[in-house]
Amino acid sequence: MVLLATESARYFIDGAMERRVDGGEEMNQRRSRIALAVSLSYLAIVLMVAGAVGYSVTHYDASMAGIWLLLVTMPLSIIVASTPIPHGAPVFFSLLFTGVLQAFIIWIILRGRKGSEGP
């Protein structure tokens, strides 16, 4: 009787541990997919705004068009705006690189650690 109870308990514990490991991997995959979707959406917004700014600067008198790219890439664009970079294309491409870098940072933060189960 005791042997049967210990075997049942061992089977239950092993099954629970296996489900916990599988659930953690599934959660990591779900979190990775969500992180990828959010970061790619942000990158798409940055690229669309950069395209609109580039088009408006070359075809219209768009003296304030660049502010939209500055606002979309805001946390790191403050650093770019405060550096002594000559105006024009270098600032535009610096802000574009800043947007790509921020999309990567968003992906890293939302993905979390590879082996962690997360909250």
PDB file of N, CA and C in Angstrom:
ATOM      1  N   MET A   1       0.813  -1.186   0.000  1.00  0.00           N
ATOM      2  CA  MET A   1       0.000   0.000   0.000  1.00  0.00           C
ATOM      3  C   MET A   1       0.868   1.267   0.000  1.00  0.00           C
ATOM      4  N   VAL A   2       1.888   1.293   0.859  1.00  0.00           N
ATOM      5  CA  VAL A   2       2.785   2.439   0.934  1.00  0.00           C
ATOM      6  C   VAL A   2       3.558   2.577  -0.372  1.00  0.00           C
ATOM      7  N   LEU A   3       3.973   1.448  -0.949  1.00  0.00           N
ATOM      8  CA  LEU A   3       4.699   1.463  -2.211  1.00  0.00           C
ATOM      9  C   LEU A   3       3.834   2.048  -3.321  1.00  0.00           C
ATOM     10  N   LEU A   4       2.566   1.672  -3.342  1.00  0.00           N
ATOM     11  CA  LEU A   4       1.648   2.198  -4.349  1.00  0.00           C
ATOM     12  C   LEU A   4       1.459   3.714  -4.173  1.00  0.00           C
ATOM     13  N   ALA A   5       1.371   4.175  -2.946  1.00  0.00           N
ATOM     14  CA  ALA A   5       1.199   5.607  -2.681  1.00  0.00           C
ATOM     15  C   ALA A   5       2.444   6.392  -3.091  1.00  0.00           C
ATOM     16  N   THR A   6       3.622   5.868  -2.820  1.00  0.00           N
ATOM     17  CA  THR A   6       4.847   6.591  -3.197  1.00  0.00           C
ATOM     18  C   THR A   6       5.021   6.617  -4.712  1.00  0.00           C
ATOM     19  N   GLU A   7       4.652   5.524  -5.370  1.00  0.00           N
ATOM     20  CA  GLU A   7       4.736   5.499  -6.837  1.00  0.00           C
ATOM     21  C   GLU A   7       3.751   6.496  -7.442  1.00  0.00           C
ATOM     22  N   SER A   8       2.545   6.562  -6.874  1.00  0.00           N
ATOM     23  CA  SER A   8       1.550   7.515  -7.370  1.00  0.00           C
ATOM     24  C   SER A   8       2.026   8.943  -7.151  1.00  0.00           C
ATOM     25  N   ALA A   9       2.601   9.212  -5.990  1.00  0.00           N
ATOM     26  CA  ALA A   9       3.100  10.553  -5.699  1.00  0.00           C
ATOM     27  C   ALA A   9       4.247  10.910  -6.638  1.00  0.00           C
ATOM     28  N   ARG A  10       5.140   9.947  -6.874  1.00  0.00           N
ATOM     29  CA  ARG A  10       6.263  10.202  -7.781  1.00  0.00           C
ATOM     30  C   ARG A  10       5.754  10.481  -9.199  1.00  0.00           C
ATOM     31  N   TYR A  11       4.759   9.720  -9.647  1.00  0.00           N
ATOM     32  CA  TYR A  11       4.190   9.929 -10.971  1.00  0.00           C
ATOM     33  C   TYR A  11       3.538  11.312 -11.055  1.00  0.00           C
ATOM     34  N   PHE A  12       2.825  11.706 -10.010  1.00  0.00           N
ATOM     35  CA  PHE A  12       2.163  13.008  -9.985  1.00  0.00           C
ATOM     36  C   PHE A  12       3.186  14.146 -10.001  1.00  0.00           C
ATOM     37  N   ILE A  13       4.229  14.035  -9.195  1.00  0.00           N
ATOM     38  CA  ILE A  13       5.254  15.083  -9.124  1.00  0.00           C
ATOM     39  C   ILE A  13       6.016  15.176 -10.440  1.00  0.00           C
ATOM     40  N   ASP A  14       6.394  14.029 -11.016  1.00  0.00           N
ATOM     41  CA  ASP A  14       7.103  14.054 -12.298  1.00  0.00           C
ATOM     42  C   ASP A  14       6.238  14.675 -13.396  1.00  0.00           C
ATOM     43  N   GLY A  15       4.963  14.345 -13.410  1.00  0.00           N
ATOM     44  CA  GLY A  15       4.055  14.911 -14.413  1.00  0.00           C
ATOM     45  C   GLY A  15       3.891  16.401 -14.227  1.00  0.00           C
ATOM     46  N   ALA A  16       3.794  16.841 -12.970  1.00  0.00           N
ATOM     47  CA  ALA A  16       3.649  18.278 -12.700  1.00  0.00           C
ATOM     48  C   ALA A  16       4.903  19.032 -13.110  1.00  0.00           C
ATOM     49  N   MET A  17       6.068  18.469 -12.828  1.00  0.00           N
ATOM     50  CA  MET A  17       7.309  19.132 -13.214  1.00  0.00           C
ATOM     51  C   MET A  17       7.439  19.198 -14.728  1.00  0.00           C
ATOM     52  N   GLU A  18       7.022  18.143 -15.423  1.00  0.00           N
ATOM     53  CA  GLU A  18       7.095  18.134 -16.879  1.00  0.00           C
ATOM     54  C   GLU A  18       6.158  19.186 -17.470  1.00  0.00           C
ATOM     55  N   ARG A  19       4.944  19.280 -16.923  1.00  0.00           N
ATOM     56  CA  ARG A  19       4.010  20.297 -17.404  1.00  0.00           C
ATOM     57  C   ARG A  19       4.536  21.694 -17.129  1.00  0.00           C
ATOM     58  N   ARG A  20       5.197  21.881 -15.995  1.00  0.00           N
ATOM     59  CA  ARG A  20       5.729  23.193 -15.650  1.00  0.00           C
ATOM     60  C   ARG A  20       6.827  23.602 -16.626  1.00  0.00           C
ATOM     61  N   VAL A  21       7.697  22.681 -16.981  1.00  0.00           N
ATOM     62  CA  VAL A  21       8.771  22.980 -17.932  1.00  0.00           C
ATOM     63  C   VAL A  21       8.183  23.283 -19.307  1.00  0.00           C
ATOM     64  N   ASP A  22       7.219  22.477 -19.760  1.00  0.00           N
ATOM     65  CA  ASP A  22       6.612  22.724 -21.061  1.00  0.00           C
ATOM     66  C   ASP A  22       5.861  24.043 -21.086  1.00  0.00           C
ATOM     67  N   GLY A  23       5.174  24.370 -20.002  1.00  0.00           N
ATOM     68  CA  GLY A  23       4.460  25.634 -19.933  1.00  0.00           C
ATOM     69  C   GLY A  23       5.407  26.819 -19.955  1.00  0.00           C
ATOM     70  N   GLY A  24       6.565  26.681 -19.329  1.00  0.00           N
ATOM     71  CA  GLY A  24       7.554  27.758 -19.333  1.00  0.00           C
ATOM     72  C   GLY A  24       8.104  28.007 -20.717  1.00  0.00           C
ATOM     73  N   GLU A  25       8.366  26.942 -21.479  1.00  0.00           N
ATOM     74  CA  GLU A  25       8.854  27.110 -22.848  1.00  0.00           C
ATOM     75  C   GLU A  25       7.784  27.750 -23.722  1.00  0.00           C
ATOM     76  N   GLU A  26       6.529  27.349 -23.511  1.00  0.00           N
ATOM     77  CA  GLU A  26       5.437  27.932 -24.284  1.00  0.00           C
ATOM     78  C   GLU A  26       5.280  29.414 -23.958  1.00  0.00           C
ATOM     79  N   MET A  27       5.440  29.755 -22.694  1.00  0.00           N
ATOM     80  CA  MET A  27       5.348  31.158 -22.283  1.00  0.00           C
ATOM     81  C   MET A  27       6.487  31.970 -22.892  1.00  0.00           C
ATOM     82  N   ASN A  28       7.696  31.400 -22.932  1.00  0.00           N
ATOM     83  CA  ASN A  28       8.834  32.098 -23.542  1.00  0.00           C
ATOM     84  C   ASN A  28       8.599  32.330 -25.029  1.00  0.00           C
ATOM     85  N   GLN A  29       8.043  31.329 -25.716  1.00  0.00           N
ATOM     86  CA  GLN A  29       7.775  31.482 -27.140  1.00  0.00           C
ATOM     87  C   GLN A  29       6.704  32.539 -27.384  1.00  0.00           C
ATOM     88  N   ARG A  30       5.665  32.548 -26.541  1.00  0.00           N
ATOM     89  CA  ARG A  30       4.600  33.533 -26.683  1.00  0.00           C
ATOM     90  C   ARG A  30       5.148  34.940 -26.427  1.00  0.00           C
ATOM     91  N   ARG A  31       5.969  35.053 -25.382  1.00  0.00           N
ATOM     92  CA  ARG A  31       6.564  36.347 -25.064  1.00  0.00           C
ATOM     93  C   ARG A  31       7.491  36.812 -26.186  1.00  0.00           C
ATOM     94  N   SER A  32       8.234  35.887 -26.795  1.00  0.00           N
ATOM     95  CA  SER A  32       9.116  36.251 -27.904  1.00  0.00           C
ATOM     96  C   SER A  32       8.321  36.731 -29.108  1.00  0.00           C
ATOM     97  N   ARG A  33       7.195  36.068 -29.387  1.00  0.00           N
ATOM     98  CA  ARG A  33       6.362  36.487 -30.518  1.00  0.00           C
ATOM     99  C   ARG A  33       5.758  37.870 -30.276  1.00  0.00           C
ATOM    100  N   ILE A  34       5.299  38.117 -29.058  1.00  0.00           N
ATOM    101  CA  ILE A  34       4.726  39.424 -28.735  1.00  0.00           C
ATOM    102  C   ILE A  34       5.802  40.502 -28.817  1.00  0.00           C
ATOM    103  N   ALA A  35       6.989  40.211 -28.290  1.00  0.00           N
ATOM    104  CA  ALA A  35       8.089  41.176 -28.340  1.00  0.00           C
ATOM    105  C   ALA A  35       8.467  41.491 -29.780  1.00  0.00           C
ATOM    106  N   LEU A  36       8.506  40.476 -30.625  1.00  0.00           N
ATOM    107  CA  LEU A  36       8.844  40.690 -32.029  1.00  0.00           C
ATOM    108  C   LEU A  36       7.777  41.533 -32.722  1.00  0.00           C
ATOM    109  N   ALA A  37       6.504  41.258 -32.440  1.00  0.00           N
ATOM    110  CA  ALA A  37       5.425  42.026 -33.063  1.00  0.00           C
ATOM    111  C   ALA A  37       5.465  43.492 -32.634  1.00  0.00           C
ATOM    112  N   VAL A  38       5.686  43.739 -31.358  1.00  0.00           N
ATOM    113  CA  VAL A  38       5.721  45.120 -30.865  1.00  0.00           C
ATOM    114  C   VAL A  38       6.921  45.870 -31.439  1.00  0.00           C
ATOM    115  N   SER A  39       8.093  45.236 -31.429  1.00  0.00           N
ATOM    116  CA  SER A  39       9.288  45.928 -31.931  1.00  0.00           C
ATOM    117  C   SER A  39       9.220  46.161 -33.438  1.00  0.00           C
ATOM    118  N   LEU A  40       8.678  45.208 -34.191  1.00  0.00           N
ATOM    119  CA  LEU A  40       8.540  45.414 -35.633  1.00  0.00           C
ATOM    120  C   LEU A  40       7.485  46.474 -35.951  1.00  0.00           C
ATOM    121  N   SER A  41       6.442  46.555 -35.129  1.00  0.00           N
ATOM    122  CA  SER A  41       5.436  47.606 -35.319  1.00  0.00           C
ATOM    123  C   SER A  41       6.052  48.980 -35.074  1.00  0.00           C
ATOM    124  N   TYR A  42       6.851  49.095 -34.025  1.00  0.00           N
ATOM    125  CA  TYR A  42       7.535  50.358 -33.759  1.00  0.00           C
ATOM    126  C   TYR A  42       8.480  50.707 -34.903  1.00  0.00           C
ATOM    127  N   LEU A  43       9.215  49.709 -35.387  1.00  0.00           N
ATOM    128  CA  LEU A  43      10.136  49.949 -36.496  1.00  0.00           C
ATOM    129  C   LEU A  43       9.380  50.380 -37.752  1.00  0.00           C
ATOM    130  N   ALA A  44       8.221  49.797 -37.996  1.00  0.00           N
ATOM    131  CA  ALA A  44       7.415  50.192 -39.153  1.00  0.00           C
ATOM    132  C   ALA A  44       6.949  51.638 -39.031  1.00  0.00           C
ATOM    133  N   ILE A  45       6.555  52.037 -37.823  1.00  0.00           N
ATOM    134  CA  ILE A  45       6.145  53.428 -37.604  1.00  0.00           C
ATOM    135  C   ILE A  45       7.314  54.374 -37.861  1.00  0.00           C
ATOM    136  N   VAL A  46       8.496  54.022 -37.354  1.00  0.00           N
ATOM    137  CA  VAL A  46       9.678  54.863 -37.561  1.00  0.00           C
ATOM    138  C   VAL A  46      10.004  54.972 -39.046  1.00  0.00           C
ATOM    139  N   LEU A  47       9.947  53.857 -39.765  1.00  0.00           N
ATOM    140  CA  LEU A  47      10.268  53.886 -41.192  1.00  0.00           C
ATOM    141  C   LEU A  47       9.228  54.664 -41.989  1.00  0.00           C
ATOM    142  N   MET A  48       7.953  54.553 -41.626  1.00  0.00           N
ATOM    143  CA  MET A  48       6.918  55.329 -42.321  1.00  0.00           C
ATOM    144  C   MET A  48       7.094  56.827 -42.085  1.00  0.00           C
ATOM    145  N   VAL A  49       7.371  57.200 -40.845  1.00  0.00           N
ATOM    146  CA  VAL A  49       7.586  58.617 -40.545  1.00  0.00           C
ATOM    147  C   VAL A  49       8.846  59.119 -41.250  1.00  0.00           C
ATOM    148  N   ALA A  50       9.892  58.302 -41.270  1.00  0.00           N
ATOM    149  CA  ALA A  50      11.123  58.708 -41.957  1.00  0.00           C
ATOM    150  C   ALA A  50      10.879  58.869 -43.455  1.00  0.00           C
ATOM    151  N   GLY A  51      10.097  57.986 -44.034  1.00  0.00           N
ATOM    152  CA  GLY A  51       9.757  58.119 -45.451  1.00  0.00           C
ATOM    153  C   GLY A  51       8.945  59.376 -45.724  1.00  0.00           C
ATOM    154  N   ALA A  52       7.991  59.663 -44.855  1.00  0.00           N
ATOM    155  CA  ALA A  52       7.175  60.865 -45.028  1.00  0.00           C
ATOM    156  C   ALA A  52       8.019  62.120 -44.867  1.00  0.00           C
ATOM    157  N   VAL A  53       8.922  62.113 -43.905  1.00  0.00           N
ATOM    158  CA  VAL A  53       9.798  63.274 -43.695  1.00  0.00           C
ATOM    159  C   VAL A  53      10.731  63.443 -44.895  1.00  0.00           C
ATOM    160  N   GLY A  54      11.320  62.345 -45.352  1.00  0.00           N
ATOM    161  CA  GLY A  54      12.206  62.431 -46.512  1.00  0.00           C
ATOM    162  C   GLY A  54      11.489  62.917 -47.752  1.00  0.00           C
ATOM    163  N   TYR A  55      10.274  62.455 -47.960  1.00  0.00           N
ATOM    164  CA  TYR A  55       9.498  62.895 -49.129  1.00  0.00           C
ATOM    165  C   TYR A  55       9.126  64.362 -49.022  1.00  0.00           C
ATOM    166  N   SER A  56       8.674  64.764 -47.833  1.00  0.00           N
ATOM    167  CA  SER A  56       8.229  66.154 -47.687  1.00  0.00           C
ATOM    168  C   SER A  56       9.397  67.135 -47.753  1.00  0.00           C
ATOM    169  N   VAL A  57      10.556  66.730 -47.306  1.00  0.00           N
ATOM    170  CA  VAL A  57      11.722  67.615 -47.365  1.00  0.00           C
ATOM    171  C   VAL A  57      12.186  67.800 -48.808  1.00  0.00           C
ATOM    172  N   THR A  58      12.103  66.763 -49.613  1.00  0.00           N
ATOM    173  CA  THR A  58      12.586  66.876 -51.001  1.00  0.00           C
ATOM    174  C   THR A  58      11.551  67.480 -51.938  1.00  0.00           C
ATOM    175  N   HIS A  59      10.260  67.384 -51.620  1.00  0.00           N
ATOM    176  CA  HIS A  59       9.234  67.868 -52.540  1.00  0.00           C
ATOM    177  C   HIS A  59       8.511  69.133 -52.090  1.00  0.00           C
ATOM    178  N   TYR A  60       8.547  69.445 -50.841  1.00  0.00           N
ATOM    179  CA  TYR A  60       7.822  70.613 -50.331  1.00  0.00           C
ATOM    180  C   TYR A  60       8.741  71.446 -49.449  1.00  0.00           C
ATOM    181  N   ASP A  61       8.261  72.607 -49.106  1.00  0.00           N
ATOM    182  CA  ASP A  61       8.980  73.418 -48.135  1.00  0.00           C
ATOM    183  C   ASP A  61       8.554  72.924 -46.747  1.00  0.00           C
ATOM    184  N   ALA A  62       9.281  71.978 -46.238  1.00  0.00           N
ATOM    185  CA  ALA A  62       8.896  71.307 -44.992  1.00  0.00           C
ATOM    186  C   ALA A  62       9.936  71.595 -43.919  1.00  0.00           C
ATOM    187  N   SER A  63       9.931  72.785 -43.433  1.00  0.00           N
ATOM    188  CA  SER A  63      10.941  73.148 -42.451  1.00  0.00           C
ATOM    189  C   SER A  63      10.719  72.471 -41.106  1.00  0.00           C
ATOM    190  N   MET A  64       9.480  72.139 -40.783  1.00  0.00           N
ATOM    191  CA  MET A  64       9.174  71.505 -39.493  1.00  0.00           C
ATOM    192  C   MET A  64       8.857  70.016 -39.620  1.00  0.00           C
ATOM    193  N   ALA A  65       9.090  69.411 -40.773  1.00  0.00           N
ATOM    194  CA  ALA A  65       8.743  68.006 -40.957  1.00  0.00           C
ATOM    195  C   ALA A  65       9.626  67.086 -40.132  1.00  0.00           C
ATOM    196  N   GLY A  66      10.869  67.479 -39.922  1.00  0.00           N
ATOM    197  CA  GLY A  66      11.792  66.626 -39.174  1.00  0.00           C
ATOM    198  C   GLY A  66      11.437  66.451 -37.717  1.00  0.00           C
ATOM    199  N   ILE A  67      10.581  67.311 -37.202  1.00  0.00           N
ATOM    200  CA  ILE A  67      10.198  67.196 -35.797  1.00  0.00           C
ATOM    201  C   ILE A  67       9.428  65.901 -35.539  1.00  0.00           C
ATOM    202  N   TRP A  68       8.732  65.395 -36.539  1.00  0.00           N
ATOM    203  CA  TRP A  68       7.975  64.154 -36.351  1.00  0.00           C
ATOM    204  C   TRP A  68       8.908  62.971 -36.145  1.00  0.00           C
ATOM    205  N   LEU A  69       9.989  62.931 -36.884  1.00  0.00           N
ATOM    206  CA  LEU A  69      10.965  61.857 -36.684  1.00  0.00           C
ATOM    207  C   LEU A  69      11.646  62.001 -35.331  1.00  0.00           C
ATOM    208  N   LEU A  70      11.875  63.222 -34.933  1.00  0.00           N
ATOM    209  CA  LEU A  70      12.454  63.475 -33.614  1.00  0.00           C
ATOM    210  C   LEU A  70      11.505  63.012 -32.507  1.00  0.00           C
ATOM    211  N   LEU A  71      10.215  63.245 -32.669  1.00  0.00           N
ATOM    212  CA  LEU A  71       9.234  62.837 -31.657  1.00  0.00           C
ATOM    213  C   LEU A  71       9.037  61.324 -31.611  1.00  0.00           C
ATOM    214  N   VAL A  72       9.053  60.672 -32.761  1.00  0.00           N
ATOM    215  CA  VAL A  72       8.839  59.216 -32.789  1.00  0.00           C
ATOM    216  C   VAL A  72      10.004  58.478 -32.141  1.00  0.00           C
ATOM    217  N   THR A  73      11.196  58.997 -32.293  1.00  0.00           N
ATOM    218  CA  THR A  73      12.385  58.350 -31.717  1.00  0.00           C
ATOM    219  C   THR A  73      12.822  59.050 -30.438  1.00  0.00           C
ATOM    220  N   MET A  74      11.877  59.526 -29.665  1.00  0.00           N
ATOM    221  CA  MET A  74      12.123  60.471 -28.586  1.00  0.00           C
ATOM    222  C   MET A  74      13.148  60.079 -27.521  1.00  0.00           C
ATOM    223  N   PRO A  75      13.134  58.977 -26.861  1.00  0.00           N
ATOM    224  CA  PRO A  75      14.081  58.845 -25.750  1.00  0.00           C
ATOM    225  C   PRO A  75      15.547  59.000 -26.169  1.00  0.00           C
ATOM    226  N   LEU A  76      15.932  58.389 -27.247  1.00  0.00           N
ATOM    227  CA  LEU A  76      17.329  58.481 -27.668  1.00  0.00           C
ATOM    228  C   LEU A  76      17.593  59.644 -28.614  1.00  0.00           C
ATOM    229  N   SER A  77      16.536  60.196 -29.188  1.00  0.00           N
ATOM    230  CA  SER A  77      16.751  61.305 -30.122  1.00  0.00           C
ATOM    231  C   SER A  77      17.198  62.572 -29.405  1.00  0.00           C
ATOM    232  N   ILE A  78      16.960  62.658 -28.119  1.00  0.00           N
ATOM    233  CA  ILE A  78      17.447  63.810 -27.358  1.00  0.00           C
ATOM    234  C   ILE A  78      18.975  63.837 -27.380  1.00  0.00           C
ATOM    235  N   ILE A  79      19.581  62.660 -27.293  1.00  0.00           N
ATOM    236  CA  ILE A  79      21.044  62.558 -27.355  1.00  0.00           C
ATOM    237  C   ILE A  79      21.543  62.986 -28.738  1.00  0.00           C
ATOM    238  N   VAL A  80      20.852  62.507 -29.775  1.00  0.00           N
ATOM    239  CA  VAL A  80      21.260  62.859 -31.137  1.00  0.00           C
ATOM    240  C   VAL A  80      21.088  64.363 -31.366  1.00  0.00           C
ATOM    241  N   ALA A  81      20.008  64.920 -30.868  1.00  0.00           N
ATOM    242  CA  ALA A  81      19.750  66.345 -31.077  1.00  0.00           C
ATOM    243  C   ALA A  81      20.739  67.226 -30.320  1.00  0.00           C
ATOM    244  N   SER A  82      21.293  66.709 -29.232  1.00  0.00           N
ATOM    245  CA  SER A  82      22.217  67.533 -28.452  1.00  0.00           C
ATOM    246  C   SER A  82      23.669  67.421 -28.923  1.00  0.00           C
ATOM    247  N   THR A  83      23.965  66.535 -29.854  1.00  0.00           N
ATOM    248  CA  THR A  83      25.331  66.410 -30.361  1.00  0.00           C
ATOM    249  C   THR A  83      25.563  67.422 -31.483  1.00  0.00           C
ATOM    250  N   PRO A  84      26.801  67.805 -31.697  1.00  0.00           N
ATOM    251  CA  PRO A  84      27.085  68.791 -32.751  1.00  0.00           C
ATOM    252  C   PRO A  84      27.207  68.151 -34.134  1.00  0.00           C
ATOM    253  N   ILE A  85      26.154  67.511 -34.591  1.00  0.00           N
ATOM    254  CA  ILE A  85      26.129  66.921 -35.933  1.00  0.00           C
ATOM    255  C   ILE A  85      25.641  67.994 -36.900  1.00  0.00           C
ATOM    256  N   PRO A  86      26.251  68.110 -38.086  1.00  0.00           N
ATOM    257  CA  PRO A  86      25.748  69.093 -39.054  1.00  0.00           C
ATOM    258  C   PRO A  86      24.319  68.742 -39.481  1.00  0.00           C
ATOM    259  N   HIS A  87      23.518  69.759 -39.747  1.00  0.00           N
ATOM    260  CA  HIS A  87      22.119  69.552 -40.100  1.00  0.00           C
ATOM    261  C   HIS A  87      22.002  68.921 -41.477  1.00  0.00           C
ATOM    262  N   GLY A  88      20.873  68.286 -41.710  1.00  0.00           N
ATOM    263  CA  GLY A  88      20.609  67.693 -43.008  1.00  0.00           C
ATOM    264  C   GLY A  88      20.600  66.176 -42.926  1.00  0.00           C
ATOM    265  N   ALA A  89      21.220  65.557 -43.919  1.00  0.00           N
ATOM    266  CA  ALA A  89      21.205  64.103 -44.020  1.00  0.00           C
ATOM    267  C   ALA A  89      21.859  63.391 -42.829  1.00  0.00           C
ATOM    268  N   PRO A  90      22.965  63.886 -42.262  1.00  0.00           N
ATOM    269  CA  PRO A  90      23.534  63.181 -41.104  1.00  0.00           C
ATOM    270  C   PRO A  90      22.568  63.077 -39.922  1.00  0.00           C
ATOM    271  N   VAL A  91      21.811  64.123 -39.669  1.00  0.00           N
ATOM    272  CA  VAL A  91      20.833  64.073 -38.569  1.00  0.00           C
ATOM    273  C   VAL A  91      19.713  63.112 -38.911  1.00  0.00           C
ATOM    274  N   PHE A  92      19.254  63.161 -40.164  1.00  0.00           N
ATOM    275  CA  PHE A  92      18.180  62.272 -40.594  1.00  0.00           C
ATOM    276  C   PHE A  92      18.585  60.808 -40.412  1.00  0.00           C
ATOM    277  N   PHE A  93      19.770  60.447 -40.888  1.00  0.00           N
ATOM    278  CA  PHE A  93      20.200  59.054 -40.780  1.00  0.00           C
ATOM    279  C   PHE A  93      20.556  58.678 -39.341  1.00  0.00           C
ATOM    280  N   SER A  94      21.000  59.633 -38.555  1.00  0.00           N
ATOM    281  CA  SER A  94      21.242  59.365 -37.128  1.00  0.00           C
ATOM    282  C   SER A  94      19.941  59.053 -36.410  1.00  0.00           C
ATOM    283  N   LEU A  95      18.905  59.828 -36.713  1.00  0.00           N
ATOM    284  CA  LEU A  95      17.598  59.566 -36.100  1.00  0.00           C
ATOM    285  C   LEU A  95      17.007  58.254 -36.595  1.00  0.00           C
ATOM    286  N   LEU A  96      17.229  57.933 -37.840  1.00  0.00           N
ATOM    287  CA  LEU A  96      16.760  56.646 -38.372  1.00  0.00           C
ATOM    288  C   LEU A  96      17.467  55.485 -37.685  1.00  0.00           C
ATOM    289  N   PHE A  97      18.777  55.597 -37.493  1.00  0.00           N
ATOM    290  CA  PHE A  97      19.522  54.572 -36.765  1.00  0.00           C
ATOM    291  C   PHE A  97      19.050  54.477 -35.321  1.00  0.00           C
ATOM    292  N   THR A  98      18.729  55.624 -34.723  1.00  0.00           N
ATOM    293  CA  THR A  98      18.216  55.637 -33.352  1.00  0.00           C
ATOM    294  C   THR A  98      16.910  54.863 -33.261  1.00  0.00           C
ATOM    295  N   GLY A  99      16.041  55.022 -34.248  1.00  0.00           N
ATOM    296  CA  GLY A  99      14.784  54.273 -34.265  1.00  0.00           C
ATOM    297  C   GLY A  99      15.008  52.777 -34.390  1.00  0.00           C
ATOM    298  N   VAL A 100      15.947  52.380 -35.238  1.00  0.00           N
ATOM    299  CA  VAL A 100      16.263  50.947 -35.376  1.00  0.00           C
ATOM    300  C   VAL A 100      16.850  50.409 -34.070  1.00  0.00           C
ATOM    301  N   LEU A 101      17.715  51.175 -33.451  1.00  0.00           N
ATOM    302  CA  LEU A 101      18.301  50.765 -32.174  1.00  0.00           C
ATOM    303  C   LEU A 101      17.231  50.633 -31.093  1.00  0.00           C
ATOM    304  N   GLN A 102      16.302  51.575 -31.049  1.00  0.00           N
ATOM    305  CA  GLN A 102      15.226  51.493 -30.056  1.00  0.00           C
ATOM    306  C   GLN A 102      14.310  50.311 -30.309  1.00  0.00           C
ATOM    307  N   ALA A 103      14.054  49.963 -31.556  1.00  0.00           N
ATOM    308  CA  ALA A 103      13.248  48.777 -31.855  1.00  0.00           C
ATOM    309  C   ALA A 103      13.953  47.523 -31.339  1.00  0.00           C
ATOM    310  N   PHE A 104      15.260  47.463 -31.502  1.00  0.00           N
ATOM    311  CA  PHE A 104      16.029  46.329 -30.989  1.00  0.00           C
ATOM    312  C   PHE A 104      15.976  46.286 -29.462  1.00  0.00           C
ATOM    313  N   ILE A 105      16.101  47.440 -28.821  1.00  0.00           N
ATOM    314  CA  ILE A 105      16.047  47.500 -27.356  1.00  0.00           C
ATOM    315  C   ILE A 105      14.668  47.079 -26.852  1.00  0.00           C
ATOM    316  N   ILE A 106      13.614  47.515 -27.541  1.00  0.00           N
ATOM    317  CA  ILE A 106      12.257  47.101 -27.167  1.00  0.00           C
ATOM    318  C   ILE A 106      12.126  45.597 -27.264  1.00  0.00           C
ATOM    319  N   TRP A 107      12.660  44.999 -28.322  1.00  0.00           N
ATOM    320  CA  TRP A 107      12.585  43.547 -28.486  1.00  0.00           C
ATOM    321  C   TRP A 107      13.322  42.826 -27.361  1.00  0.00           C
ATOM    322  N   ILE A 108      14.508  43.310 -27.020  1.00  0.00           N
ATOM    323  CA  ILE A 108      15.294  42.682 -25.945  1.00  0.00           C
ATOM    324  C   ILE A 108      14.566  42.783 -24.608  1.00  0.00           C
ATOM    325  N   ILE A 109      14.015  43.938 -24.289  1.00  0.00           N
ATOM    326  CA  ILE A 109      13.357  44.129 -22.998  1.00  0.00           C
ATOM    327  C   ILE A 109      12.085  43.294 -22.905  1.00  0.00           C
ATOM    328  N   LEU A 110      11.269  43.304 -23.938  1.00  0.00           N
ATOM    329  CA  LEU A 110      10.018  42.561 -23.871  1.00  0.00           C
ATOM    330  C   LEU A 110      10.214  41.055 -23.964  1.00  0.00           C
ATOM    331  N   ARG A 111      11.266  40.630 -24.640  1.00  0.00           N
ATOM    332  CA  ARG A 111      11.523  39.180 -24.748  1.00  0.00           C
ATOM    333  C   ARG A 111      11.905  38.596 -23.415  1.00  0.00           C
ATOM    334  N   GLY A 112      12.655  39.336 -22.617  1.00  0.00           N
ATOM    335  CA  GLY A 112      13.106  38.825 -21.325  1.00  0.00           C
ATOM    336  C   GLY A 112      14.283  37.894 -21.512  1.00  0.00           C
ATOM    337  N   ARG A 113      14.642  37.240 -20.417  1.00  0.00           N
ATOM    338  CA  ARG A 113      15.743  36.285 -20.509  1.00  0.00           C
ATOM    339  C   ARG A 113      15.281  35.023 -21.201  1.00  0.00           C
ATOM    340  N   LYS A 114      16.203  34.351 -21.872  1.00  0.00           N
ATOM    341  CA  LYS A 114      15.858  33.158 -22.634  1.00  0.00           C
ATOM    342  C   LYS A 114      15.334  32.041 -21.748  1.00  0.00           C
ATOM    343  N   GLY A 115      15.953  31.793 -20.620  1.00  0.00           N
ATOM    344  CA  GLY A 115      15.576  30.641 -19.794  1.00  0.00           C
ATOM    345  C   GLY A 115      14.579  30.936 -18.701  1.00  0.00           C
ATOM    346  N   SER A 116      14.184  32.193 -18.528  1.00  0.00           N
ATOM    347  CA  SER A 116      13.295  32.532 -17.414  1.00  0.00           C
ATOM    348  C   SER A 116      11.844  32.251 -17.767  1.00  0.00           C
ATOM    349  N   GLU A 117      11.063  31.964 -16.723  1.00  0.00           N
ATOM    350  CA  GLU A 117       9.634  31.712 -16.941  1.00  0.00           C
ATOM    351  C   GLU A 117       8.843  32.983 -16.933  1.00  0.00           C
ATOM    352  N   GLY A 118       9.381  34.038 -16.372  1.00  0.00           N
ATOM    353  CA  GLY A 118       8.700  35.326 -16.362  1.00  0.00           C
ATOM    354  C   GLY A 118       7.661  35.430 -15.285  1.00  0.00           C
ATOM    355  N   PRO A 119       7.052  36.602 -15.158  1.00  0.00           N
ATOM    356  CA  PRO A 119       6.042  36.812 -14.124  1.00  0.00           C
ATOM    357  C   PRO A 119       4.711  36.211 -14.477  1.00  0.00           C
TER     358      PRO A 119
END
